[in-house]
Structure formats: C-alpha cells, structure tokens
Amino acid sequence: MVNYVSGDTLQSTDEYIAQGVAVGSQEGLGTGLAFKLSSKFPEIQELFKKHTRNSKYQAGDVFIGEVKGISPGII
C-alpha cells in the first residue's frame, strides 16, 4: 500500500523510501533527494553502482537496496 505523507523524507520511519532515477544517470544519484539519500546512506549508493555496472539498467527497472542495520531500504 502506498501512503502519501509530507515532511522530511530522510526522517521517515517507514521500511522503504522510493526514489526515481533517470536512465543514463545511474552512476550519479547526484542531485535533489537522490543526492541526500546517497550522502546519508553511502552503502546504498555503492550497491546501486554495483548493480548498474553488472546489468543493463533500463527505464522501468527496479532496484531495491538494503543494508543490514540501516533503515530504511531504498527502492
């Protein structure tokens, strides 16, 4: 179920945060919310880079990044 809330996304207590990434910018996650997420959770950024290097990332693909002990996961 998707619930829409307002406030600081990085303070979320939800299990996952969803963030869209434009095809062609997979290496970056370098602006806006994506930048904030990769700065706060650099382990997720590394998992995402590894994923995009090892597979052809296309529009509509979904990546779910989870690191034990770090909450929330990133979709």
PDB file of N, CA and C in Angstrom:
ATOM      1  N   MET A   1       0.844  -1.169   0.000  1.00  0.00           N
ATOM      2  CA  MET A   1       0.000   0.000   0.000  1.00  0.00           C
ATOM      3  C   MET A   1       0.898   1.244   0.000  1.00  0.00           C
ATOM      4  N   VAL A   2       0.530   2.238  -0.750  1.00  0.00           N
ATOM      5  CA  VAL A   2       1.273   3.490  -0.809  1.00  0.00           C
ATOM      6  C   VAL A   2       0.527   4.538   0.007  1.00  0.00           C
ATOM      7  N   ASN A   3       1.237   5.166   0.940  1.00  0.00           N
ATOM      8  CA  ASN A   3       0.680   6.262   1.724  1.00  0.00           C
ATOM      9  C   ASN A   3       1.452   7.517   1.387  1.00  0.00           C
ATOM     10  N   TYR A   4       0.750   8.595   1.111  1.00  0.00           N
ATOM     11  CA  TYR A   4       1.384   9.869   0.822  1.00  0.00           C
ATOM     12  C   TYR A   4       1.441  10.689   2.108  1.00  0.00           C
ATOM     13  N   VAL A   5       2.641  11.147   2.449  1.00  0.00           N
ATOM     14  CA  VAL A   5       2.834  11.952   3.651  1.00  0.00           C
ATOM     15  C   VAL A   5       3.691  13.162   3.290  1.00  0.00           C
ATOM     16  N   SER A   6       3.718  14.135   4.146  1.00  0.00           N
ATOM     17  CA  SER A   6       4.582  15.288   3.923  1.00  0.00           C
ATOM     18  C   SER A   6       5.588  15.368   5.059  1.00  0.00           C
ATOM     19  N   GLY A   7       6.663  16.086   4.805  1.00  0.00           N
ATOM     20  CA  GLY A   7       7.704  16.241   5.817  1.00  0.00           C
ATOM     21  C   GLY A   7       9.063  15.862   5.248  1.00  0.00           C
ATOM     22  N   ASP A   8      10.026  15.673   6.111  1.00  0.00           N
ATOM     23  CA  ASP A   8      11.390  15.343   5.722  1.00  0.00           C
ATOM     24  C   ASP A   8      11.496  13.840   5.441  1.00  0.00           C
ATOM     25  N   THR A   9      11.679  13.502   4.188  1.00  0.00           N
ATOM     26  CA  THR A   9      11.759  12.100   3.768  1.00  0.00           C
ATOM     27  C   THR A   9      12.851  11.347   4.518  1.00  0.00           C
ATOM     28  N   LEU A  10      13.952  12.020   4.789  1.00  0.00           N
ATOM     29  CA  LEU A  10      15.064  11.349   5.464  1.00  0.00           C
ATOM     30  C   LEU A  10      14.783  11.031   6.927  1.00  0.00           C
ATOM     31  N   GLN A  11      13.709  11.578   7.465  1.00  0.00           N
ATOM     32  CA  GLN A  11      13.307  11.268   8.842  1.00  0.00           C
ATOM     33  C   GLN A  11      12.243  10.173   8.885  1.00  0.00           C
ATOM     34  N   SER A  12      11.963   9.581   7.747  1.00  0.00           N
ATOM     35  CA  SER A  12      10.925   8.564   7.647  1.00  0.00           C
ATOM     36  C   SER A  12      11.234   7.364   8.530  1.00  0.00           C
ATOM     37  N   THR A  13      10.203   6.820   9.129  1.00  0.00           N
ATOM     38  CA  THR A  13      10.337   5.586   9.901  1.00  0.00           C
ATOM     39  C   THR A  13       9.784   4.396   9.118  1.00  0.00           C
ATOM     40  N   ASP A  14       9.428   4.645   7.845  1.00  0.00           N
ATOM     41  CA  ASP A  14       8.910   3.572   7.010  1.00  0.00           C
ATOM     42  C   ASP A  14      10.019   2.601   6.636  1.00  0.00           C
ATOM     43  N   GLU A  15       9.617   1.420   6.179  1.00  0.00           N
ATOM     44  CA  GLU A  15      10.578   0.377   5.830  1.00  0.00           C
ATOM     45  C   GLU A  15      11.376   0.730   4.569  1.00  0.00           C
ATOM     46  N   TYR A  16      10.757   1.448   3.620  1.00  0.00           N
ATOM     47  CA  TYR A  16      11.407   1.802   2.358  1.00  0.00           C
ATOM     48  C   TYR A  16      11.086   3.235   1.953  1.00  0.00           C
ATOM     49  N   ILE A  17      12.022   3.833   1.212  1.00  0.00           N
ATOM     50  CA  ILE A  17      11.817   5.113   0.536  1.00  0.00           C
ATOM     51  C   ILE A  17      11.978   4.834  -0.948  1.00  0.00           C
ATOM     52  N   ALA A  18      11.031   5.306  -1.757  1.00  0.00           N
ATOM     53  CA  ALA A  18      11.123   5.129  -3.214  1.00  0.00           C
ATOM     54  C   ALA A  18      11.682   6.399  -3.840  1.00  0.00           C
ATOM     55  N   GLN A  19      12.640   6.222  -4.746  1.00  0.00           N
ATOM     56  CA  GLN A  19      13.289   7.345  -5.426  1.00  0.00           C
ATOM     57  C   GLN A  19      13.472   6.982  -6.884  1.00  0.00           C
ATOM     58  N   GLY A  20      12.982   7.811  -7.777  1.00  0.00           N
ATOM     59  CA  GLY A  20      13.158   7.585  -9.205  1.00  0.00           C
ATOM     60  C   GLY A  20      14.543   8.018  -9.655  1.00  0.00           C
ATOM     61  N   VAL A  21      15.085   7.295 -10.625  1.00  0.00           N
ATOM     62  CA  VAL A  21      16.393   7.613 -11.195  1.00  0.00           C
ATOM     63  C   VAL A  21      16.260   7.607 -12.706  1.00  0.00           C
ATOM     64  N   ALA A  22      16.694   8.672 -13.341  1.00  0.00           N
ATOM     65  CA  ALA A  22      16.629   8.756 -14.795  1.00  0.00           C
ATOM     66  C   ALA A  22      17.644   7.806 -15.425  1.00  0.00           C
ATOM     67  N   VAL A  23      17.242   7.126 -16.476  1.00  0.00           N
ATOM     68  CA  VAL A  23      18.167   6.269 -17.204  1.00  0.00           C
ATOM     69  C   VAL A  23      19.282   7.144 -17.743  1.00  0.00           C
ATOM     70  N   GLY A  24      20.502   6.677 -17.592  1.00  0.00           N
ATOM     71  CA  GLY A  24      21.653   7.444 -18.037  1.00  0.00           C
ATOM     72  C   GLY A  24      22.338   8.180 -16.898  1.00  0.00           C
ATOM     73  N   SER A  25      21.705   8.234 -15.720  1.00  0.00           N
ATOM     74  CA  SER A  25      22.332   8.913 -14.583  1.00  0.00           C
ATOM     75  C   SER A  25      22.551   7.956 -13.419  1.00  0.00           C
ATOM     76  N   GLN A  26      22.624   6.662 -13.730  1.00  0.00           N
ATOM     77  CA  GLN A  26      22.738   5.656 -12.695  1.00  0.00           C
ATOM     78  C   GLN A  26      23.995   5.814 -11.844  1.00  0.00           C
ATOM     79  N   GLU A  27      25.069   6.316 -12.420  1.00  0.00           N
ATOM     80  CA  GLU A  27      26.303   6.463 -11.661  1.00  0.00           C
ATOM     81  C   GLU A  27      26.209   7.573 -10.634  1.00  0.00           C
ATOM     82  N   GLY A  28      25.354   8.549 -10.911  1.00  0.00           N
ATOM     83  CA  GLY A  28      25.383   9.752 -10.107  1.00  0.00           C
ATOM     84  C   GLY A  28      24.608   9.728  -8.820  1.00  0.00           C
ATOM     85  N   LEU A  29      23.317   9.630  -8.901  1.00  0.00           N
ATOM     86  CA  LEU A  29      22.458   9.910  -7.754  1.00  0.00           C
ATOM     87  C   LEU A  29      22.955  11.202  -7.116  1.00  0.00           C
ATOM     88  N   GLY A  30      23.206  12.216  -7.966  1.00  0.00           N
ATOM     89  CA  GLY A  30      23.936  13.377  -7.510  1.00  0.00           C
ATOM     90  C   GLY A  30      23.145  14.656  -7.348  1.00  0.00           C
ATOM     91  N   THR A  31      21.824  14.630  -7.445  1.00  0.00           N
ATOM     92  CA  THR A  31      21.057  15.852  -7.262  1.00  0.00           C
ATOM     93  C   THR A  31      19.810  15.575  -6.430  1.00  0.00           C
ATOM     94  N   GLY A  32      19.267  16.602  -5.842  1.00  0.00           N
ATOM     95  CA  GLY A  32      17.999  16.520  -5.125  1.00  0.00           C
ATOM     96  C   GLY A  32      17.954  15.454  -4.052  1.00  0.00           C
ATOM     97  N   LEU A  33      16.807  14.784  -3.975  1.00  0.00           N
ATOM     98  CA  LEU A  33      16.614  13.746  -2.966  1.00  0.00           C
ATOM     99  C   LEU A  33      17.610  12.607  -3.157  1.00  0.00           C
ATOM    100  N   ALA A  34      17.900  12.253  -4.404  1.00  0.00           N
ATOM    101  CA  ALA A  34      18.854  11.170  -4.650  1.00  0.00           C
ATOM    102  C   ALA A  34      20.214  11.491  -4.026  1.00  0.00           C
ATOM    103  N   PHE A  35      20.656  12.730  -4.145  1.00  0.00           N
ATOM    104  CA  PHE A  35      21.927  13.141  -3.548  1.00  0.00           C
ATOM    105  C   PHE A  35      21.874  13.030  -2.028  1.00  0.00           C
ATOM    106  N   LYS A  36      20.768  13.480  -1.443  1.00  0.00           N
ATOM    107  CA  LYS A  36      20.633  13.400   0.016  1.00  0.00           C
ATOM    108  C   LYS A  36      20.637  11.959   0.497  1.00  0.00           C
ATOM    109  N   LEU A  37      19.943  11.087  -0.250  1.00  0.00           N
ATOM    110  CA  LEU A  37      19.911   9.671   0.125  1.00  0.00           C
ATOM    111  C   LEU A  37      21.298   9.044   0.013  1.00  0.00           C
ATOM    112  N   SER A  38      22.007   9.342  -1.079  1.00  0.00           N
ATOM    113  CA  SER A  38      23.333   8.741  -1.267  1.00  0.00           C
ATOM    114  C   SER A  38      24.335   9.305  -0.274  1.00  0.00           C
ATOM    115  N   SER A  39      24.132  10.537   0.177  1.00  0.00           N
ATOM    116  CA  SER A  39      25.022  11.119   1.189  1.00  0.00           C
ATOM    117  C   SER A  39      24.773  10.507   2.563  1.00  0.00           C
ATOM    118  N   LYS A  40      23.510  10.307   2.892  1.00  0.00           N
ATOM    119  CA  LYS A  40      23.166   9.753   4.209  1.00  0.00           C
ATOM    120  C   LYS A  40      23.401   8.239   4.264  1.00  0.00           C
ATOM    121  N   PHE A  41      23.198   7.562   3.120  1.00  0.00           N
ATOM    122  CA  PHE A  41      23.346   6.108   3.062  1.00  0.00           C
ATOM    123  C   PHE A  41      24.330   5.733   1.957  1.00  0.00           C
ATOM    124  N   PRO A  42      25.617   6.026   2.094  1.00  0.00           N
ATOM    125  CA  PRO A  42      26.584   5.752   1.018  1.00  0.00           C
ATOM    126  C   PRO A  42      26.672   4.271   0.657  1.00  0.00           C
ATOM    127  N   GLU A  43      26.325   3.402   1.586  1.00  0.00           N
ATOM    128  CA  GLU A  43      26.342   1.968   1.304  1.00  0.00           C
ATOM    129  C   GLU A  43      25.327   1.620   0.216  1.00  0.00           C
ATOM    130  N   ILE A  44      24.172   2.300   0.248  1.00  0.00           N
ATOM    131  CA  ILE A  44      23.145   2.080  -0.770  1.00  0.00           C
ATOM    132  C   ILE A  44      23.647   2.568  -2.124  1.00  0.00           C
ATOM    133  N   GLN A  45      24.322   3.714  -2.144  1.00  0.00           N
ATOM    134  CA  GLN A  45      24.896   4.247  -3.381  1.00  0.00           C
ATOM    135  C   GLN A  45      25.859   3.232  -3.996  1.00  0.00           C
ATOM    136  N   GLU A  46      26.692   2.621  -3.180  1.00  0.00           N
ATOM    137  CA  GLU A  46      27.649   1.627  -3.684  1.00  0.00           C
ATOM    138  C   GLU A  46      26.936   0.400  -4.239  1.00  0.00           C
ATOM    139  N   LEU A  47      25.888  -0.064  -3.553  1.00  0.00           N
ATOM    140  CA  LEU A  47      25.109  -1.203  -4.058  1.00  0.00           C
ATOM    141  C   LEU A  47      24.474  -0.867  -5.404  1.00  0.00           C
ATOM    142  N   PHE A  48      23.948   0.354  -5.536  1.00  0.00           N
ATOM    143  CA  PHE A  48      23.305   0.777  -6.769  1.00  0.00           C
ATOM    144  C   PHE A  48      24.316   0.837  -7.913  1.00  0.00           C
ATOM    145  N   LYS A  49      25.497   1.406  -7.647  1.00  0.00           N
ATOM    146  CA  LYS A  49      26.540   1.473  -8.674  1.00  0.00           C
ATOM    147  C   LYS A  49      26.949   0.070  -9.109  1.00  0.00           C
ATOM    148  N   LYS A  50      27.118  -0.826  -8.151  1.00  0.00           N
ATOM    149  CA  LYS A  50      27.490  -2.203  -8.474  1.00  0.00           C
ATOM    150  C   LYS A  50      26.407  -2.858  -9.328  1.00  0.00           C
ATOM    151  N   HIS A  51      25.158  -2.642  -8.972  1.00  0.00           N
ATOM    152  CA  HIS A  51      24.029  -3.212  -9.724  1.00  0.00           C
ATOM    153  C   HIS A  51      24.027  -2.711 -11.168  1.00  0.00           C
ATOM    154  N   THR A  52      24.207  -1.408 -11.354  1.00  0.00           N
ATOM    155  CA  THR A  52      24.131  -0.854 -12.703  1.00  0.00           C
ATOM    156  C   THR A  52      25.355  -1.206 -13.539  1.00  0.00           C
ATOM    157  N   ARG A  53      26.472  -1.488 -12.911  1.00  0.00           N
ATOM    158  CA  ARG A  53      27.660  -1.919 -13.655  1.00  0.00           C
ATOM    159  C   ARG A  53      27.542  -3.372 -14.109  1.00  0.00           C
ATOM    160  N   ASN A  54      26.815  -4.168 -13.333  1.00  0.00           N
ATOM    161  CA  ASN A  54      26.715  -5.602 -13.612  1.00  0.00           C
ATOM    162  C   ASN A  54      25.504  -5.988 -14.445  1.00  0.00           C
ATOM    163  N   SER A  55      24.630  -5.035 -14.734  1.00  0.00           N
ATOM    164  CA  SER A  55      23.452  -5.350 -15.536  1.00  0.00           C
ATOM    165  C   SER A  55      23.057  -4.110 -16.333  1.00  0.00           C
ATOM    166  N   LYS A  56      22.360  -4.335 -17.435  1.00  0.00           N
ATOM    167  CA  LYS A  56      21.902  -3.216 -18.252  1.00  0.00           C
ATOM    168  C   LYS A  56      20.654  -2.624 -17.615  1.00  0.00           C
ATOM    169  N   TYR A  57      20.785  -1.426 -17.097  1.00  0.00           N
ATOM    170  CA  TYR A  57      19.700  -0.745 -16.403  1.00  0.00           C
ATOM    171  C   TYR A  57      18.845  -0.001 -17.420  1.00  0.00           C
ATOM    172  N   GLN A  58      17.542  -0.289 -17.450  1.00  0.00           N
ATOM    173  CA  GLN A  58      16.646   0.312 -18.429  1.00  0.00           C
ATOM    174  C   GLN A  58      15.471   0.984 -17.734  1.00  0.00           C
ATOM    175  N   ALA A  59      14.803   1.867 -18.462  1.00  0.00           N
ATOM    176  CA  ALA A  59      13.628   2.546 -17.920  1.00  0.00           C
ATOM    177  C   ALA A  59      12.617   1.521 -17.420  1.00  0.00           C
ATOM    178  N   GLY A  60      12.092   1.762 -16.246  1.00  0.00           N
ATOM    179  CA  GLY A  60      11.106   0.869 -15.655  1.00  0.00           C
ATOM    180  C   GLY A  60      11.690  -0.202 -14.754  1.00  0.00           C
ATOM    181  N   ASP A  61      13.016  -0.376 -14.782  1.00  0.00           N
ATOM    182  CA  ASP A  61      13.659  -1.348 -13.897  1.00  0.00           C
ATOM    183  C   ASP A  61      13.549  -0.888 -12.448  1.00  0.00           C
ATOM    184  N   VAL A  62      13.591  -1.837 -11.541  1.00  0.00           N
ATOM    185  CA  VAL A  62      13.503  -1.541 -10.120  1.00  0.00           C
ATOM    186  C   VAL A  62      14.729  -2.106  -9.425  1.00  0.00           C
ATOM    187  N   PHE A  63      15.343  -1.291  -8.586  1.00  0.00           N
ATOM    188  CA  PHE A  63      16.458  -1.707  -7.738  1.00  0.00           C
ATOM    189  C   PHE A  63      16.013  -1.518  -6.297  1.00  0.00           C
ATOM    190  N   ILE A  64      16.231  -2.519  -5.475  1.00  0.00           N
ATOM    191  CA  ILE A  64      15.915  -2.407  -4.055  1.00  0.00           C
ATOM    192  C   ILE A  64      17.214  -2.560  -3.283  1.00  0.00           C
ATOM    193  N   GLY A  65      17.607  -1.492  -2.608  1.00  0.00           N
ATOM    194  CA  GLY A  65      18.852  -1.505  -1.836  1.00  0.00           C
ATOM    195  C   GLY A  65      18.571  -1.589  -0.359  1.00  0.00           C
ATOM    196  N   GLU A  66      19.154  -2.587   0.268  1.00  0.00           N
ATOM    197  CA  GLU A  66      19.007  -2.765   1.708  1.00  0.00           C
ATOM    198  C   GLU A  66      20.370  -3.102   2.290  1.00  0.00           C
ATOM    199  N   VAL A  67      20.693  -2.474   3.396  1.00  0.00           N
ATOM    200  CA  VAL A  67      21.914  -2.781   4.117  1.00  0.00           C
ATOM    201  C   VAL A  67      21.504  -3.088   5.552  1.00  0.00           C
ATOM    202  N   LYS A  68      21.912  -4.230   6.070  1.00  0.00           N
ATOM    203  CA  LYS A  68      21.537  -4.622   7.423  1.00  0.00           C
ATOM    204  C   LYS A  68      21.950  -3.543   8.432  1.00  0.00           C
ATOM    205  N   GLY A  69      21.038  -3.202   9.301  1.00  0.00           N
ATOM    206  CA  GLY A  69      21.318  -2.199  10.323  1.00  0.00           C
ATOM    207  C   GLY A  69      21.067  -0.780   9.872  1.00  0.00           C
ATOM    208  N   ILE A  70      20.732  -0.605   8.594  1.00  0.00           N
ATOM    209  CA  ILE A  70      20.423   0.738   8.088  1.00  0.00           C
ATOM    210  C   ILE A  70      18.978   0.742   7.640  1.00  0.00           C
ATOM    211  N   SER A  71      18.235   1.694   8.114  1.00  0.00           N
ATOM    212  CA  SER A  71      16.837   1.804   7.739  1.00  0.00           C
ATOM    213  C   SER A  71      16.607   3.207   7.245  1.00  0.00           C
ATOM    214  N   PRO A  72      15.842   3.428   6.289  1.00  0.00           N
ATOM    215  CA  PRO A  72      15.032   2.494   5.511  1.00  0.00           C
ATOM    216  C   PRO A  72      15.782   1.944   4.313  1.00  0.00           C
ATOM    217  N   GLY A  73      15.186   0.942   3.659  1.00  0.00           N
ATOM    218  CA  GLY A  73      15.711   0.481   2.380  1.00  0.00           C
ATOM    219  C   GLY A  73      15.332   1.485   1.311  1.00  0.00           C
ATOM    220  N   ILE A  74      16.048   1.479   0.205  1.00  0.00           N
ATOM    221  CA  ILE A  74      15.797   2.409  -0.885  1.00  0.00           C
ATOM    222  C   ILE A  74      15.331   1.642  -2.106  1.00  0.00           C
ATOM    223  N   ILE A  75      14.225   2.073  -2.694  1.00  0.00           N
ATOM    224  CA  ILE A  75      13.709   1.471  -3.929  1.00  0.00           C
ATOM    225  C   ILE A  75      13.978   2.449  -5.050  1.00  0.00           C
TER     226      ILE A  75
END
